Amino acid sequence: MSLVARLVPSSLVDRLEPLLARLPSGLPRPLKWAFIALLIFNIDGLPGVWHARIMWPFIAFQWQVRLGKKWPNWRIGKDEFDFTTKREFRASFNSSDTFGYHLSNS
């Protein structure tokens, strides 16, 4: 039994097999698995992911408005400077500074 089969659920391995087949055949299988793991661990650092994460609530709201959804606490006529939202994100190792304690500003 391989190390990957012991560490990763078989359903996930079955889903990743087509992706592994698309990688160059000259690469050793452990190197392919390392590449996939690196890609998964750094998924939030890929271009456009931050923008999608920030903009998704607005896009979902626009879709709901177009589909005719109504909210009982609609903010018509209220002070727009009084409105606040809160988003919580986890600081992963690739979005933190060198010591891993603070989010990077870059």
PDB file of N, CA and C in Angstrom:
ATOM      1  N   MET A   1       0.854  -1.177   0.000  1.00  0.00           N
ATOM      2  CA  MET A   1       0.000   0.000   0.000  1.00  0.00           C
ATOM      3  C   MET A   1       0.900   1.239   0.000  1.00  0.00           C
ATOM      4  N   SER A   2       0.627   2.157  -0.894  1.00  0.00           N
ATOM      5  CA  SER A   2       1.470   3.343  -1.004  1.00  0.00           C
ATOM      6  C   SER A   2       1.165   4.341   0.109  1.00  0.00           C
ATOM      7  N   LEU A   3       2.083   5.272   0.288  1.00  0.00           N
ATOM      8  CA  LEU A   3       1.923   6.297   1.315  1.00  0.00           C
ATOM      9  C   LEU A   3       0.700   7.164   1.034  1.00  0.00           C
ATOM     10  N   VAL A   4       0.489   7.504  -0.236  1.00  0.00           N
ATOM     11  CA  VAL A   4      -0.658   8.340  -0.603  1.00  0.00           C
ATOM     12  C   VAL A   4      -1.961   7.614  -0.281  1.00  0.00           C
ATOM     13  N   ALA A   5      -2.016   6.320  -0.560  1.00  0.00           N
ATOM     14  CA  ALA A   5      -3.234   5.553  -0.292  1.00  0.00           C
ATOM     15  C   ALA A   5      -3.531   5.486   1.200  1.00  0.00           C
ATOM     16  N   ARG A   6      -2.488   5.539   2.024  1.00  0.00           N
ATOM     17  CA  ARG A   6      -2.706   5.511   3.467  1.00  0.00           C
ATOM     18  C   ARG A   6      -3.115   6.872   4.014  1.00  0.00           C
ATOM     19  N   LEU A   7      -2.636   7.961   3.407  1.00  0.00           N
ATOM     20  CA  LEU A   7      -2.877   9.304   3.936  1.00  0.00           C
ATOM     21  C   LEU A   7      -4.108   9.992   3.347  1.00  0.00           C
ATOM     22  N   VAL A   8      -4.436   9.677   2.112  1.00  0.00           N
ATOM     23  CA  VAL A   8      -5.505  10.381   1.401  1.00  0.00           C
ATOM     24  C   VAL A   8      -6.686   9.428   1.211  1.00  0.00           C
ATOM     25  N   PRO A   9      -7.905   9.898   1.462  1.00  0.00           N
ATOM     26  CA  PRO A   9      -9.076   9.034   1.244  1.00  0.00           C
ATOM     27  C   PRO A   9      -9.152   8.547  -0.202  1.00  0.00           C
ATOM     28  N   SER A  10      -9.624   7.341  -0.386  1.00  0.00           N
ATOM     29  CA  SER A  10      -9.654   6.745  -1.727  1.00  0.00           C
ATOM     30  C   SER A  10     -10.562   7.527  -2.675  1.00  0.00           C
ATOM     31  N   SER A  11     -11.628   8.134  -2.160  1.00  0.00           N
ATOM     32  CA  SER A  11     -12.507   8.917  -3.035  1.00  0.00           C
ATOM     33  C   SER A  11     -11.773  10.132  -3.606  1.00  0.00           C
ATOM     34  N   LEU A  12     -10.901  10.745  -2.799  1.00  0.00           N
ATOM     35  CA  LEU A  12     -10.121  11.884  -3.286  1.00  0.00           C
ATOM     36  C   LEU A  12      -9.060  11.429  -4.280  1.00  0.00           C
ATOM     37  N   VAL A  13      -8.440  10.290  -4.013  1.00  0.00           N
ATOM     38  CA  VAL A  13      -7.440   9.751  -4.941  1.00  0.00           C
ATOM     39  C   VAL A  13      -8.090   9.476  -6.290  1.00  0.00           C
ATOM     40  N   ASP A  14      -9.291   8.898  -6.285  1.00  0.00           N
ATOM     41  CA  ASP A  14      -9.993   8.609  -7.539  1.00  0.00           C
ATOM     42  C   ASP A  14     -10.301   9.885  -8.313  1.00  0.00           C
ATOM     43  N   ARG A  15     -10.599  10.973  -7.605  1.00  0.00           N
ATOM     44  CA  ARG A  15     -10.884  12.243  -8.286  1.00  0.00           C
ATOM     45  C   ARG A  15      -9.622  12.907  -8.818  1.00  0.00           C
ATOM     46  N   LEU A  16      -8.490  12.678  -8.168  1.00  0.00           N
ATOM     47  CA  LEU A  16      -7.247  13.314  -8.594  1.00  0.00           C
ATOM     48  C   LEU A  16      -6.517  12.523  -9.676  1.00  0.00           C
ATOM     49  N   GLU A  17      -6.867  11.269  -9.881  1.00  0.00           N
ATOM     50  CA  GLU A  17      -6.192  10.449 -10.891  1.00  0.00           C
ATOM     51  C   GLU A  17      -6.248  11.071 -12.291  1.00  0.00           C
ATOM     52  N   PRO A  18      -7.404  11.591 -12.773  1.00  0.00           N
ATOM     53  CA  PRO A  18      -7.401  12.221 -14.102  1.00  0.00           C
ATOM     54  C   PRO A  18      -6.465  13.433 -14.182  1.00  0.00           C
ATOM     55  N   LEU A  19      -6.352  14.169 -13.082  1.00  0.00           N
ATOM     56  CA  LEU A  19      -5.441  15.314 -13.064  1.00  0.00           C
ATOM     57  C   LEU A  19      -3.993  14.847 -13.129  1.00  0.00           C
ATOM     58  N   LEU A  20      -3.681  13.783 -12.413  1.00  0.00           N
ATOM     59  CA  LEU A  20      -2.326  13.234 -12.456  1.00  0.00           C
ATOM     60  C   LEU A  20      -1.987  12.728 -13.850  1.00  0.00           C
ATOM     61  N   ALA A  21      -2.962  12.182 -14.553  1.00  0.00           N
ATOM     62  CA  ALA A  21      -2.721  11.669 -15.902  1.00  0.00           C
ATOM     63  C   ALA A  21      -2.396  12.791 -16.882  1.00  0.00           C
ATOM     64  N   ARG A  22      -2.854  14.004 -16.601  1.00  0.00           N
ATOM     65  CA  ARG A  22      -2.577  15.138 -17.494  1.00  0.00           C
ATOM     66  C   ARG A  22      -1.176  15.715 -17.310  1.00  0.00           C
ATOM     67  N   LEU A  23      -0.553  15.429 -16.177  1.00  0.00           N
ATOM     68  CA  LEU A  23       0.809  15.903 -15.952  1.00  0.00           C
ATOM     69  C   LEU A  23       1.765  15.099 -16.820  1.00  0.00           C
ATOM     70  N   PRO A  24       2.938  15.657 -17.158  1.00  0.00           N
ATOM     71  CA  PRO A  24       3.879  14.948 -18.038  1.00  0.00           C
ATOM     72  C   PRO A  24       4.208  13.548 -17.515  1.00  0.00           C
ATOM     73  N   SER A  25       4.237  12.588 -18.432  1.00  0.00           N
ATOM     74  CA  SER A  25       4.460  11.194 -18.039  1.00  0.00           C
ATOM     75  C   SER A  25       5.893  10.940 -17.592  1.00  0.00           C
ATOM     76  N   GLY A  26       6.812  11.819 -17.923  1.00  0.00           N
ATOM     77  CA  GLY A  26       8.203  11.638 -17.521  1.00  0.00           C
ATOM     78  C   GLY A  26       8.450  11.927 -16.048  1.00  0.00           C
ATOM     79  N   LEU A  27       7.509  12.585 -15.394  1.00  0.00           N
ATOM     80  CA  LEU A  27       7.670  12.905 -13.973  1.00  0.00           C
ATOM     81  C   LEU A  27       7.357  11.688 -13.114  1.00  0.00           C
ATOM     82  N   PRO A  28       8.149  11.456 -12.084  1.00  0.00           N
ATOM     83  CA  PRO A  28       7.829  10.356 -11.167  1.00  0.00           C
ATOM     84  C   PRO A  28       6.514  10.636 -10.434  1.00  0.00           C
ATOM     85  N   ARG A  29       5.794   9.580 -10.098  1.00  0.00           N
ATOM     86  CA  ARG A  29       4.487   9.706  -9.449  1.00  0.00           C
ATOM     87  C   ARG A  29       4.550  10.470  -8.124  1.00  0.00           C
ATOM     88  N   PRO A  30       5.550  10.249  -7.254  1.00  0.00           N
ATOM     89  CA  PRO A  30       5.604  11.038  -6.013  1.00  0.00           C
ATOM     90  C   PRO A  30       5.768  12.536  -6.272  1.00  0.00           C
ATOM     91  N   LEU A  31       6.498  12.885  -7.328  1.00  0.00           N
ATOM     92  CA  LEU A  31       6.667  14.297  -7.671  1.00  0.00           C
ATOM     93  C   LEU A  31       5.337  14.894  -8.148  1.00  0.00           C
ATOM     94  N   LYS A  32       4.557  14.107  -8.859  1.00  0.00           N
ATOM     95  CA  LYS A  32       3.233  14.575  -9.281  1.00  0.00           C
ATOM     96  C   LYS A  32       2.345  14.827  -8.063  1.00  0.00           C
ATOM     97  N   TRP A  33       2.369  13.902  -7.099  1.00  0.00           N
ATOM     98  CA  TRP A  33       1.562  14.071  -5.894  1.00  0.00           C
ATOM     99  C   TRP A  33       2.034  15.280  -5.092  1.00  0.00           C
ATOM    100  N   ALA A  34       3.347  15.510  -5.058  1.00  0.00           N
ATOM    101  CA  ALA A  34       3.876  16.679  -4.348  1.00  0.00           C
ATOM    102  C   ALA A  34       3.401  17.965  -5.023  1.00  0.00           C
ATOM    103  N   PHE A  35       3.377  17.978  -6.349  1.00  0.00           N
ATOM    104  CA  PHE A  35       2.899  19.151  -7.081  1.00  0.00           C
ATOM    105  C   PHE A  35       1.423  19.416  -6.780  1.00  0.00           C
ATOM    106  N   ILE A  36       0.608  18.364  -6.787  1.00  0.00           N
ATOM    107  CA  ILE A  36      -0.820  18.513  -6.489  1.00  0.00           C
ATOM    108  C   ILE A  36      -1.013  19.028  -5.064  1.00  0.00           C
ATOM    109  N   ALA A  37      -0.248  18.481  -4.109  1.00  0.00           N
ATOM    110  CA  ALA A  37      -0.357  18.923  -2.709  1.00  0.00           C
ATOM    111  C   ALA A  37       0.037  20.391  -2.579  1.00  0.00           C
ATOM    112  N   LEU A  38       1.120  20.787  -3.252  1.00  0.00           N
ATOM    113  CA  LEU A  38       1.557  22.183  -3.214  1.00  0.00           C
ATOM    114  C   LEU A  38       0.490  23.099  -3.811  1.00  0.00           C
ATOM    115  N   LEU A  39      -0.127  22.662  -4.879  1.00  0.00           N
ATOM    116  CA  LEU A  39      -1.186  23.447  -5.509  1.00  0.00           C
ATOM    117  C   LEU A  39      -2.385  23.600  -4.574  1.00  0.00           C
ATOM    118  N   ILE A  40      -2.768  22.518  -3.905  1.00  0.00           N
ATOM    119  CA  ILE A  40      -3.919  22.572  -2.992  1.00  0.00           C
ATOM    120  C   ILE A  40      -3.620  23.454  -1.785  1.00  0.00           C
ATOM    121  N   PHE A  41      -2.408  23.337  -1.228  1.00  0.00           N
ATOM    122  CA  PHE A  41      -2.063  24.134  -0.052  1.00  0.00           C
ATOM    123  C   PHE A  41      -1.968  25.622  -0.369  1.00  0.00           C
ATOM    124  N   ASN A  42      -1.670  25.972  -1.614  1.00  0.00           N
ATOM    125  CA  ASN A  42      -1.514  27.374  -1.998  1.00  0.00           C
ATOM    126  C   ASN A  42      -2.672  27.891  -2.837  1.00  0.00           C
ATOM    127  N   ILE A  43      -3.803  27.229  -2.797  1.00  0.00           N
ATOM    128  CA  ILE A  43      -4.925  27.603  -3.659  1.00  0.00           C
ATOM    129  C   ILE A  43      -5.405  29.030  -3.386  1.00  0.00           C
ATOM    130  N   ASP A  44      -5.327  29.483  -2.143  1.00  0.00           N
ATOM    131  CA  ASP A  44      -5.810  30.837  -1.848  1.00  0.00           C
ATOM    132  C   ASP A  44      -4.827  31.917  -2.287  1.00  0.00           C
ATOM    133  N   GLY A  45      -3.637  31.551  -2.708  1.00  0.00           N
ATOM    134  CA  GLY A  45      -2.668  32.520  -3.191  1.00  0.00           C
ATOM    135  C   GLY A  45      -2.639  32.648  -4.702  1.00  0.00           C
ATOM    136  N   LEU A  46      -3.458  31.882  -5.399  1.00  0.00           N
ATOM    137  CA  LEU A  46      -3.479  31.951  -6.856  1.00  0.00           C
ATOM    138  C   LEU A  46      -4.126  33.256  -7.316  1.00  0.00           C
ATOM    139  N   PRO A  47      -3.750  33.744  -8.495  1.00  0.00           N
ATOM    140  CA  PRO A  47      -4.326  34.996  -8.987  1.00  0.00           C
ATOM    141  C   PRO A  47      -5.842  34.906  -9.138  1.00  0.00           C
ATOM    142  N   GLY A  48      -6.520  35.918  -8.653  1.00  0.00           N
ATOM    143  CA  GLY A  48      -7.962  36.005  -8.788  1.00  0.00           C
ATOM    144  C   GLY A  48      -8.755  35.389  -7.650  1.00  0.00           C
ATOM    145  N   VAL A  49      -8.139  34.549  -6.822  1.00  0.00           N
ATOM    146  CA  VAL A  49      -8.874  33.888  -5.740  1.00  0.00           C
ATOM    147  C   VAL A  49      -9.314  34.908  -4.697  1.00  0.00           C
ATOM    148  N   TRP A  50      -8.445  35.842  -4.347  1.00  0.00           N
ATOM    149  CA  TRP A  50      -8.802  36.859  -3.358  1.00  0.00           C
ATOM    150  C   TRP A  50      -9.971  37.695  -3.870  1.00  0.00           C
ATOM    151  N   HIS A  51      -9.915  38.084  -5.134  1.00  0.00           N
ATOM    152  CA  HIS A  51     -10.983  38.897  -5.706  1.00  0.00           C
ATOM    153  C   HIS A  51     -12.302  38.129  -5.721  1.00  0.00           C
ATOM    154  N   ALA A  52     -12.250  36.864  -6.068  1.00  0.00           N
ATOM    155  CA  ALA A  52     -13.468  36.052  -6.077  1.00  0.00           C
ATOM    156  C   ALA A  52     -14.030  35.903  -4.668  1.00  0.00           C
ATOM    157  N   ARG A  53     -13.162  35.741  -3.683  1.00  0.00           N
ATOM    158  CA  ARG A  53     -13.612  35.580  -2.303  1.00  0.00           C
ATOM    159  C   ARG A  53     -14.260  36.862  -1.784  1.00  0.00           C
ATOM    160  N   ILE A  54     -13.726  38.006  -2.163  1.00  0.00           N
ATOM    161  CA  ILE A  54     -14.265  39.287  -1.713  1.00  0.00           C
ATOM    162  C   ILE A  54     -15.539  39.646  -2.475  1.00  0.00           C
ATOM    163  N   MET A  55     -15.565  39.383  -3.772  1.00  0.00           N
ATOM    164  CA  MET A  55     -16.686  39.810  -4.607  1.00  0.00           C
ATOM    165  C   MET A  55     -17.852  38.834  -4.614  1.00  0.00           C
ATOM    166  N   TRP A  56     -17.653  37.591  -4.162  1.00  0.00           N
ATOM    167  CA  TRP A  56     -18.730  36.612  -4.249  1.00  0.00           C
ATOM    168  C   TRP A  56     -20.012  37.043  -3.528  1.00  0.00           C
ATOM    169  N   PRO A  57     -19.965  37.602  -2.313  1.00  0.00           N
ATOM    170  CA  PRO A  57     -21.225  38.026  -1.679  1.00  0.00           C
ATOM    171  C   PRO A  57     -21.979  39.071  -2.504  1.00  0.00           C
ATOM    172  N   PHE A  58     -21.256  39.986  -3.128  1.00  0.00           N
ATOM    173  CA  PHE A  58     -21.906  41.006  -3.952  1.00  0.00           C
ATOM    174  C   PHE A  58     -22.534  40.380  -5.195  1.00  0.00           C
ATOM    175  N   ILE A  59     -21.816  39.465  -5.830  1.00  0.00           N
ATOM    176  CA  ILE A  59     -22.346  38.794  -7.022  1.00  0.00           C
ATOM    177  C   ILE A  59     -23.580  37.972  -6.660  1.00  0.00           C
ATOM    178  N   ALA A  60     -23.521  37.252  -5.544  1.00  0.00           N
ATOM    179  CA  ALA A  60     -24.674  36.460  -5.103  1.00  0.00           C
ATOM    180  C   ALA A  60     -25.865  37.363  -4.797  1.00  0.00           C
ATOM    181  N   PHE A  61     -25.602  38.522  -4.182  1.00  0.00           N
ATOM    182  CA  PHE A  61     -26.671  39.482  -3.893  1.00  0.00           C
ATOM    183  C   PHE A  61     -27.314  39.974  -5.189  1.00  0.00           C
ATOM    184  N   GLN A  62     -26.496  40.293  -6.186  1.00  0.00           N
ATOM    185  CA  GLN A  62     -27.028  40.766  -7.467  1.00  0.00           C
ATOM    186  C   GLN A  62     -27.901  39.703  -8.128  1.00  0.00           C
ATOM    187  N   TRP A  63     -27.479  38.453  -8.065  1.00  0.00           N
ATOM    188  CA  TRP A  63     -28.292  37.364  -8.630  1.00  0.00           C
ATOM    189  C   TRP A  63     -29.622  37.253  -7.900  1.00  0.00           C
ATOM    190  N   GLN A  64     -29.586  37.362  -6.574  1.00  0.00           N
ATOM    191  CA  GLN A  64     -30.818  37.248  -5.796  1.00  0.00           C
ATOM    192  C   GLN A  64     -31.776  38.392  -6.110  1.00  0.00           C
ATOM    193  N   VAL A  65     -31.246  39.598  -6.296  1.00  0.00           N
ATOM    194  CA  VAL A  65     -32.094  40.743  -6.651  1.00  0.00           C
ATOM    195  C   VAL A  65     -32.728  40.512  -8.021  1.00  0.00           C
ATOM    196  N   ARG A  66     -31.945  40.033  -8.977  1.00  0.00           N
ATOM    197  CA  ARG A  66     -32.486  39.787 -10.319  1.00  0.00           C
ATOM    198  C   ARG A  66     -33.536  38.681 -10.324  1.00  0.00           C
ATOM    199  N   LEU A  67     -33.395  37.733  -9.402  1.00  0.00           N
ATOM    200  CA  LEU A  67     -34.385  36.658  -9.308  1.00  0.00           C
ATOM    201  C   LEU A  67     -35.611  37.069  -8.506  1.00  0.00           C
ATOM    202  N   GLY A  68     -35.604  38.287  -7.946  1.00  0.00           N
ATOM    203  CA  GLY A  68     -36.774  38.821  -7.271  1.00  0.00           C
ATOM    204  C   GLY A  68     -36.837  38.583  -5.778  1.00  0.00           C
ATOM    205  N   LYS A  69     -35.731  38.284  -5.139  1.00  0.00           N
ATOM    206  CA  LYS A  69     -35.758  38.056  -3.692  1.00  0.00           C
ATOM    207  C   LYS A  69     -35.964  39.383  -2.965  1.00  0.00           C
ATOM    208  N   LYS A  70     -36.777  39.349  -1.914  1.00  0.00           N
ATOM    209  CA  LYS A  70     -37.037  40.523  -1.067  1.00  0.00           C
ATOM    210  C   LYS A  70     -36.565  40.224   0.346  1.00  0.00           C
ATOM    211  N   TRP A  71     -36.057  41.237   1.024  1.00  0.00           N
ATOM    212  CA  TRP A  71     -35.594  41.101   2.394  1.00  0.00           C
ATOM    213  C   TRP A  71     -36.452  41.987   3.298  1.00  0.00           C
ATOM    214  N   PRO A  72     -36.848  41.501   4.471  1.00  0.00           N
ATOM    215  CA  PRO A  72     -37.691  42.313   5.360  1.00  0.00           C
ATOM    216  C   PRO A  72     -36.943  43.493   5.983  1.00  0.00           C
ATOM    217  N   ASN A  73     -35.641  43.412   6.128  1.00  0.00           N
ATOM    218  CA  ASN A  73     -34.871  44.488   6.763  1.00  0.00           C
ATOM    219  C   ASN A  73     -34.104  45.306   5.720  1.00  0.00           C
ATOM    220  N   TRP A  74     -34.730  45.585   4.600  1.00  0.00           N
ATOM    221  CA  TRP A  74     -34.095  46.347   3.525  1.00  0.00           C
ATOM    222  C   TRP A  74     -33.665  47.714   4.036  1.00  0.00           C
ATOM    223  N   ARG A  75     -32.504  48.198   3.642  1.00  0.00           N
ATOM    224  CA  ARG A  75     -31.914  49.400   4.212  1.00  0.00           C
ATOM    225  C   ARG A  75     -32.280  50.671   3.439  1.00  0.00           C
ATOM    226  N   ILE A  76     -33.444  50.757   2.892  1.00  0.00           N
ATOM    227  CA  ILE A  76     -33.847  51.954   2.156  1.00  0.00           C
ATOM    228  C   ILE A  76     -34.121  53.074   3.151  1.00  0.00           C
ATOM    229  N   GLY A  77     -33.494  54.232   2.933  1.00  0.00           N
ATOM    230  CA  GLY A  77     -33.703  55.390   3.786  1.00  0.00           C
ATOM    231  C   GLY A  77     -32.869  55.394   5.050  1.00  0.00           C
ATOM    232  N   LYS A  78     -31.951  54.463   5.212  1.00  0.00           N
ATOM    233  CA  LYS A  78     -31.116  54.428   6.410  1.00  0.00           C
ATOM    234  C   LYS A  78     -29.747  55.024   6.097  1.00  0.00           C
ATOM    235  N   ASP A  79     -29.011  55.370   7.136  1.00  0.00           N
ATOM    236  CA  ASP A  79     -27.698  55.991   6.980  1.00  0.00           C
ATOM    237  C   ASP A  79     -26.701  54.980   6.418  1.00  0.00           C
ATOM    238  N   GLU A  80     -26.135  55.282   5.251  1.00  0.00           N
ATOM    239  CA  GLU A  80     -25.195  54.346   4.628  1.00  0.00           C
ATOM    240  C   GLU A  80     -23.861  54.264   5.368  1.00  0.00           C
ATOM    241  N   PHE A  81     -23.541  55.287   6.182  1.00  0.00           N
ATOM    242  CA  PHE A  81     -22.295  55.248   6.941  1.00  0.00           C
ATOM    243  C   PHE A  81     -22.429  54.424   8.220  1.00  0.00           C
ATOM    244  N   ASP A  82     -23.645  54.070   8.565  1.00  0.00           N
ATOM    245  CA  ASP A  82     -23.892  53.264   9.752  1.00  0.00           C
ATOM    246  C   ASP A  82     -23.807  51.766   9.442  1.00  0.00           C
ATOM    247  N   PHE A  83     -23.803  51.419   8.174  1.00  0.00           N
ATOM    248  CA  PHE A  83     -23.812  50.018   7.750  1.00  0.00           C
ATOM    249  C   PHE A  83     -22.395  49.439   7.790  1.00  0.00           C
ATOM    250  N   THR A  84     -22.233  48.313   8.431  1.00  0.00           N
ATOM    251  CA  THR A  84     -20.930  47.639   8.467  1.00  0.00           C
ATOM    252  C   THR A  84     -21.113  46.164   8.134  1.00  0.00           C
ATOM    253  N   THR A  85     -20.068  45.587   7.607  1.00  0.00           N
ATOM    254  CA  THR A  85     -20.044  44.146   7.365  1.00  0.00           C
ATOM    255  C   THR A  85     -18.781  43.580   7.983  1.00  0.00           C
ATOM    256  N   LYS A  86     -18.796  42.295   8.223  1.00  0.00           N
ATOM    257  CA  LYS A  86     -17.637  41.642   8.815  1.00  0.00           C
ATOM    258  C   LYS A  86     -17.369  40.356   8.047  1.00  0.00           C
ATOM    259  N   ARG A  87     -16.132  40.192   7.611  1.00  0.00           N
ATOM    260  CA  ARG A  87     -15.718  38.969   6.924  1.00  0.00           C
ATOM    261  C   ARG A  87     -14.586  38.356   7.721  1.00  0.00           C
ATOM    262  N   GLU A  88     -14.613  37.063   7.885  1.00  0.00           N
ATOM    263  CA  GLU A  88     -13.550  36.376   8.609  1.00  0.00           C
ATOM    264  C   GLU A  88     -12.822  35.442   7.655  1.00  0.00           C
ATOM    265  N   PHE A  89     -11.499  35.600   7.596  1.00  0.00           N
ATOM    266  CA  PHE A  89     -10.650  34.735   6.795  1.00  0.00           C
ATOM    267  C   PHE A  89      -9.541  34.197   7.674  1.00  0.00           C
ATOM    268  N   ARG A  90      -9.085  33.028   7.356  1.00  0.00           N
ATOM    269  CA  ARG A  90      -7.962  32.441   8.078  1.00  0.00           C
ATOM    270  C   ARG A  90      -6.672  32.842   7.365  1.00  0.00           C
ATOM    271  N   ALA A  91      -5.694  33.278   8.135  1.00  0.00           N
ATOM    272  CA  ALA A  91      -4.403  33.652   7.560  1.00  0.00           C
ATOM    273  C   ALA A  91      -3.584  32.385   7.358  1.00  0.00           C
ATOM    274  N   SER A  92      -3.419  31.984   6.112  1.00  0.00           N
ATOM    275  CA  SER A  92      -2.632  30.792   5.821  1.00  0.00           C
ATOM    276  C   SER A  92      -1.153  31.157   5.755  1.00  0.00           C
ATOM    277  N   PHE A  93      -0.306  30.144   5.687  1.00  0.00           N
ATOM    278  CA  PHE A  93       1.133  30.401   5.719  1.00  0.00           C
ATOM    279  C   PHE A  93       1.616  31.181   4.507  1.00  0.00           C
ATOM    280  N   ASN A  94       0.926  31.079   3.374  1.00  0.00           N
ATOM    281  CA  ASN A  94       1.394  31.807   2.199  1.00  0.00           C
ATOM    282  C   ASN A  94       0.872  33.241   2.146  1.00  0.00           C
ATOM    283  N   SER A  95      -0.044  33.617   3.041  1.00  0.00           N
ATOM    284  CA  SER A  95      -0.516  35.000   3.074  1.00  0.00           C
ATOM    285  C   SER A  95      -0.026  35.737   4.315  1.00  0.00           C
ATOM    286  N   SER A  96       0.840  35.114   5.099  1.00  0.00           N
ATOM    287  CA  SER A  96       1.372  35.729   6.314  1.00  0.00           C
ATOM    288  C   SER A  96       2.780  36.255   6.072  1.00  0.00           C
ATOM    289  N   ASP A  97       3.251  37.058   7.027  1.00  0.00           N
ATOM    290  CA  ASP A  97       4.608  37.570   6.915  1.00  0.00           C
ATOM    291  C   ASP A  97       5.614  36.458   7.229  1.00  0.00           C
ATOM    292  N   THR A  98       6.883  36.816   7.290  1.00  0.00           N
ATOM    293  CA  THR A  98       7.954  35.844   7.474  1.00  0.00           C
ATOM    294  C   THR A  98       7.778  35.012   8.729  1.00  0.00           C
ATOM    295  N   PHE A  99       7.324  35.604   9.793  1.00  0.00           N
ATOM    296  CA  PHE A  99       7.211  34.897  11.061  1.00  0.00           C
ATOM    297  C   PHE A  99       5.851  34.227  11.240  1.00  0.00           C
ATOM    298  N   GLY A 100       4.917  34.450  10.318  1.00  0.00           N
ATOM    299  CA  GLY A 100       3.632  33.778  10.349  1.00  0.00           C
ATOM    300  C   GLY A 100       2.634  34.326  11.344  1.00  0.00           C
ATOM    301  N   TYR A 101       2.861  35.525  11.856  1.00  0.00           N
ATOM    302  CA  TYR A 101       1.965  36.061  12.870  1.00  0.00           C
ATOM    303  C   TYR A 101       1.012  37.127  12.343  1.00  0.00           C
ATOM    304  N   HIS A 102       1.322  37.752  11.213  1.00  0.00           N
ATOM    305  CA  HIS A 102       0.508  38.850  10.703  1.00  0.00           C
ATOM    306  C   HIS A 102       0.251  38.646   9.218  1.00  0.00           C
ATOM    307  N   LEU A 103      -0.887  39.142   8.761  1.00  0.00           N
ATOM    308  CA  LEU A 103      -1.168  39.100   7.337  1.00  0.00           C
ATOM    309  C   LEU A 103      -0.222  40.021   6.591  1.00  0.00           C
ATOM    310  N   SER A 104       0.210  39.590   5.443  1.00  0.00           N
ATOM    311  CA  SER A 104       1.088  40.395   4.616  1.00  0.00           C
ATOM    312  C   SER A 104       0.286  41.514   3.964  1.00  0.00           C
ATOM    313  N   ASN A 105       0.889  42.671   3.799  1.00  0.00           N
ATOM    314  CA  ASN A 105       0.224  43.798   3.153  1.00  0.00           C
ATOM    315  C   ASN A 105       0.462  43.816   1.653  1.00  0.00           C
ATOM    316  N   SER A 106       1.246  42.891   1.162  1.00  0.00           N
ATOM    317  CA  SER A 106       1.535  42.877  -0.273  1.00  0.00           C
ATOM    318  C   SER A 106       0.585  41.979  -1.021  1.00  0.00           C
TER     319      SER A 106
END
